[in-house]
């Protein structure tokens, strides 16, 4: 991982987009060029509200490279 952001790194937790905005900033990438991988509705709301693409993981067991590639342009 090039950057890790946790709830301790921001003042506002999900569904506020602050965690995702901070992560994009650390990566020096515009949020619209990012793919957020989420397993919960609050995370999906947070990532979507800052313009990120979102892949909702129904269960950790399906999280494979092939599964993620289906969400990339």
N, C-alpha and C. Protein backbone atom coordinates (compact mmCIF):
# COMPACT_ATOMS: atom_id res chain seq x y z
N UNK A 1 0.84 -1.18 0.00
CA UNK A 1 0.00 0.00 0.00
C UNK A 1 0.88 1.24 0.00
N UNK A 2 0.53 2.18 -0.85
CA UNK A 2 1.28 3.43 -0.90
C UNK A 2 0.79 4.44 0.13
N UNK A 3 -0.45 4.28 0.59
CA UNK A 3 -1.00 5.18 1.60
C UNK A 3 -2.08 4.44 2.37
N UNK A 4 -2.13 4.70 3.66
CA UNK A 4 -3.16 4.11 4.52
C UNK A 4 -3.75 5.24 5.35
N UNK A 5 -5.07 5.32 5.36
CA UNK A 5 -5.77 6.33 6.14
C UNK A 5 -6.77 5.61 7.03
N UNK A 6 -6.76 5.92 8.30
CA UNK A 6 -7.73 5.34 9.23
C UNK A 6 -8.58 6.45 9.82
N UNK A 7 -9.55 6.06 10.61
CA UNK A 7 -10.42 7.04 11.26
C UNK A 7 -9.66 7.98 12.18
N UNK A 8 -8.50 7.55 12.66
CA UNK A 8 -7.68 8.40 13.53
C UNK A 8 -6.99 9.53 12.76
N UNK A 9 -6.97 9.43 11.44
CA UNK A 9 -6.26 10.41 10.61
C UNK A 9 -7.12 11.58 10.17
N UNK A 10 -8.42 11.52 10.45
CA UNK A 10 -9.33 12.58 10.02
C UNK A 10 -10.27 12.95 11.16
N UNK A 11 -10.82 14.16 11.08
CA UNK A 11 -11.73 14.61 12.13
C UNK A 11 -13.14 14.08 11.95
N UNK A 12 -13.56 13.92 10.69
CA UNK A 12 -14.91 13.47 10.39
C UNK A 12 -14.88 12.05 9.84
N UNK A 13 -15.58 11.11 10.45
CA UNK A 13 -15.61 9.74 9.96
C UNK A 13 -16.57 9.58 8.77
N UNK A 14 -16.54 8.43 8.15
CA UNK A 14 -17.49 8.11 7.10
C UNK A 14 -18.89 8.25 7.69
N UNK A 15 -19.86 8.74 6.96
CA UNK A 15 -19.94 8.93 5.52
C UNK A 15 -19.35 10.24 5.02
N UNK A 16 -18.71 11.03 5.87
CA UNK A 16 -18.01 12.21 5.40
C UNK A 16 -16.88 11.75 4.46
N UNK A 17 -16.64 12.46 3.37
CA UNK A 17 -15.61 12.03 2.42
C UNK A 17 -14.17 12.30 2.87
N UNK A 18 -13.98 12.88 4.05
CA UNK A 18 -12.64 13.26 4.51
C UNK A 18 -11.60 12.14 4.42
N UNK A 19 -11.92 10.89 4.82
CA UNK A 19 -10.89 9.85 4.71
C UNK A 19 -10.43 9.61 3.27
N UNK A 20 -11.36 9.69 2.33
CA UNK A 20 -11.00 9.45 0.94
C UNK A 20 -10.28 10.64 0.32
N UNK A 21 -10.69 11.83 0.70
CA UNK A 21 -9.99 13.02 0.22
C UNK A 21 -8.55 13.03 0.72
N UNK A 22 -8.35 12.65 1.98
CA UNK A 22 -7.00 12.59 2.53
C UNK A 22 -6.17 11.53 1.81
N UNK A 23 -6.74 10.36 1.55
CA UNK A 23 -6.01 9.30 0.87
C UNK A 23 -5.60 9.74 -0.54
N UNK A 24 -6.51 10.36 -1.26
CA UNK A 24 -6.18 10.84 -2.61
C UNK A 24 -5.06 11.88 -2.54
N UNK A 25 -5.13 12.74 -1.55
CA UNK A 25 -4.09 13.75 -1.39
C UNK A 25 -2.72 13.13 -1.10
N UNK A 26 -2.70 12.13 -0.23
CA UNK A 26 -1.44 11.45 0.07
C UNK A 26 -0.85 10.77 -1.16
N UNK A 27 -1.74 10.28 -2.02
CA UNK A 27 -1.29 9.62 -3.25
C UNK A 27 -1.01 10.62 -4.37
N UNK A 28 -1.39 11.87 -4.16
CA UNK A 28 -1.26 12.92 -5.16
C UNK A 28 -2.00 12.56 -6.44
N UNK A 29 -3.23 12.08 -6.24
CA UNK A 29 -4.09 11.66 -7.34
C UNK A 29 -5.47 12.29 -7.13
N UNK A 30 -6.07 12.77 -8.20
CA UNK A 30 -7.42 13.33 -8.10
C UNK A 30 -8.40 12.23 -7.69
N UNK A 31 -9.35 12.53 -6.80
CA UNK A 31 -10.32 11.52 -6.38
C UNK A 31 -11.02 10.82 -7.54
N UNK A 32 -11.29 11.55 -8.61
CA UNK A 32 -11.98 10.95 -9.76
C UNK A 32 -11.17 9.90 -10.50
N UNK A 33 -9.88 9.81 -10.18
CA UNK A 33 -9.02 8.78 -10.79
C UNK A 33 -8.78 7.62 -9.84
N UNK A 34 -9.47 7.62 -8.70
CA UNK A 34 -9.27 6.59 -7.68
C UNK A 34 -10.40 5.56 -7.70
N UNK A 35 -10.09 4.37 -7.24
CA UNK A 35 -11.07 3.32 -7.04
C UNK A 35 -11.07 2.98 -5.56
N UNK A 36 -12.19 3.23 -4.90
CA UNK A 36 -12.35 2.86 -3.50
C UNK A 36 -12.98 1.48 -3.43
N UNK A 37 -12.45 0.62 -2.59
CA UNK A 37 -13.00 -0.71 -2.38
C UNK A 37 -13.64 -0.70 -1.01
N UNK A 38 -14.93 -0.92 -0.96
CA UNK A 38 -15.69 -0.79 0.27
C UNK A 38 -16.60 -1.99 0.50
N UNK A 39 -16.85 -2.28 1.77
CA UNK A 39 -17.79 -3.35 2.10
C UNK A 39 -19.02 -2.84 2.84
N UNK A 40 -19.10 -1.52 3.05
CA UNK A 40 -20.24 -0.97 3.78
C UNK A 40 -20.83 0.25 3.11
N UNK A 41 -22.09 0.51 3.41
CA UNK A 41 -22.81 1.61 2.77
C UNK A 41 -22.21 2.97 3.13
N UNK A 42 -21.76 3.16 4.37
CA UNK A 42 -21.19 4.46 4.74
C UNK A 42 -19.92 4.75 3.94
N UNK A 43 -19.11 3.74 3.71
CA UNK A 43 -17.91 3.92 2.90
C UNK A 43 -18.24 4.21 1.45
N UNK A 44 -19.25 3.54 0.93
CA UNK A 44 -19.69 3.80 -0.45
C UNK A 44 -20.16 5.24 -0.58
N UNK A 45 -20.94 5.72 0.39
CA UNK A 45 -21.42 7.10 0.37
C UNK A 45 -20.24 8.08 0.42
N UNK A 46 -19.28 7.81 1.30
CA UNK A 46 -18.14 8.71 1.47
C UNK A 46 -17.32 8.80 0.19
N UNK A 47 -17.00 7.67 -0.40
CA UNK A 47 -16.18 7.66 -1.61
C UNK A 47 -16.92 8.28 -2.79
N UNK A 48 -18.18 7.97 -2.93
CA UNK A 48 -18.97 8.50 -4.04
C UNK A 48 -19.10 10.03 -3.93
N UNK A 49 -19.28 10.52 -2.71
CA UNK A 49 -19.51 11.95 -2.54
C UNK A 49 -18.28 12.80 -2.87
N UNK A 50 -17.09 12.19 -2.91
CA UNK A 50 -15.91 12.98 -3.31
C UNK A 50 -15.49 12.67 -4.74
N UNK A 51 -16.32 11.90 -5.45
CA UNK A 51 -16.08 11.68 -6.86
C UNK A 51 -15.29 10.44 -7.22
N UNK A 52 -15.04 9.57 -6.24
CA UNK A 52 -14.28 8.34 -6.54
C UNK A 52 -15.18 7.29 -7.16
N UNK A 53 -14.56 6.41 -7.92
CA UNK A 53 -15.23 5.20 -8.39
C UNK A 53 -15.25 4.25 -7.20
N UNK A 54 -16.29 3.42 -7.11
CA UNK A 54 -16.43 2.54 -5.95
C UNK A 54 -16.72 1.12 -6.40
N UNK A 55 -16.00 0.19 -5.79
CA UNK A 55 -16.29 -1.24 -5.94
C UNK A 55 -16.74 -1.73 -4.58
N UNK A 56 -17.99 -2.12 -4.50
CA UNK A 56 -18.50 -2.64 -3.22
C UNK A 56 -18.24 -4.14 -3.16
N UNK A 57 -17.52 -4.54 -2.14
CA UNK A 57 -17.15 -5.93 -1.95
C UNK A 57 -18.25 -6.61 -1.13
N UNK A 58 -18.95 -7.58 -1.70
CA UNK A 58 -20.01 -8.23 -0.95
C UNK A 58 -19.47 -9.11 0.19
N UNK A 59 -18.28 -9.65 0.01
CA UNK A 59 -17.64 -10.48 1.03
C UNK A 59 -16.14 -10.49 0.76
N UNK A 60 -15.31 -10.48 1.80
CA UNK A 60 -13.86 -10.47 1.58
C UNK A 60 -13.34 -11.59 0.69
N UNK A 61 -14.03 -12.71 0.66
CA UNK A 61 -13.56 -13.86 -0.12
C UNK A 61 -13.60 -13.60 -1.63
N UNK A 62 -14.37 -12.62 -2.10
CA UNK A 62 -14.44 -12.33 -3.53
C UNK A 62 -13.41 -11.31 -3.98
N UNK A 63 -12.66 -10.76 -3.05
CA UNK A 63 -11.70 -9.71 -3.36
C UNK A 63 -10.45 -10.31 -4.00
N UNK A 64 -10.48 -10.39 -5.32
CA UNK A 64 -9.35 -10.88 -6.10
C UNK A 64 -8.96 -9.81 -7.11
N UNK A 65 -7.78 -9.92 -7.66
CA UNK A 65 -7.34 -8.96 -8.67
C UNK A 65 -8.30 -8.96 -9.86
N UNK A 66 -8.74 -10.11 -10.29
CA UNK A 66 -9.66 -10.21 -11.43
C UNK A 66 -10.97 -9.50 -11.12
N UNK A 67 -11.47 -9.65 -9.91
CA UNK A 67 -12.72 -9.01 -9.52
C UNK A 67 -12.55 -7.51 -9.55
N UNK A 68 -11.44 -6.99 -9.01
CA UNK A 68 -11.20 -5.56 -8.99
C UNK A 68 -11.03 -4.98 -10.40
N UNK A 69 -10.37 -5.73 -11.27
CA UNK A 69 -10.13 -5.24 -12.63
C UNK A 69 -11.43 -5.00 -13.39
N UNK A 70 -12.48 -5.66 -12.99
CA UNK A 70 -13.77 -5.46 -13.64
C UNK A 70 -14.30 -4.05 -13.41
N UNK A 71 -13.82 -3.36 -12.38
CA UNK A 71 -14.28 -2.02 -12.06
C UNK A 71 -13.40 -0.92 -12.64
N UNK A 72 -12.28 -1.30 -13.24
CA UNK A 72 -11.36 -0.31 -13.77
C UNK A 72 -11.71 0.03 -15.22
N UNK A 73 -11.54 1.30 -15.60
CA UNK A 73 -11.86 1.68 -16.98
C UNK A 73 -10.87 1.09 -17.97
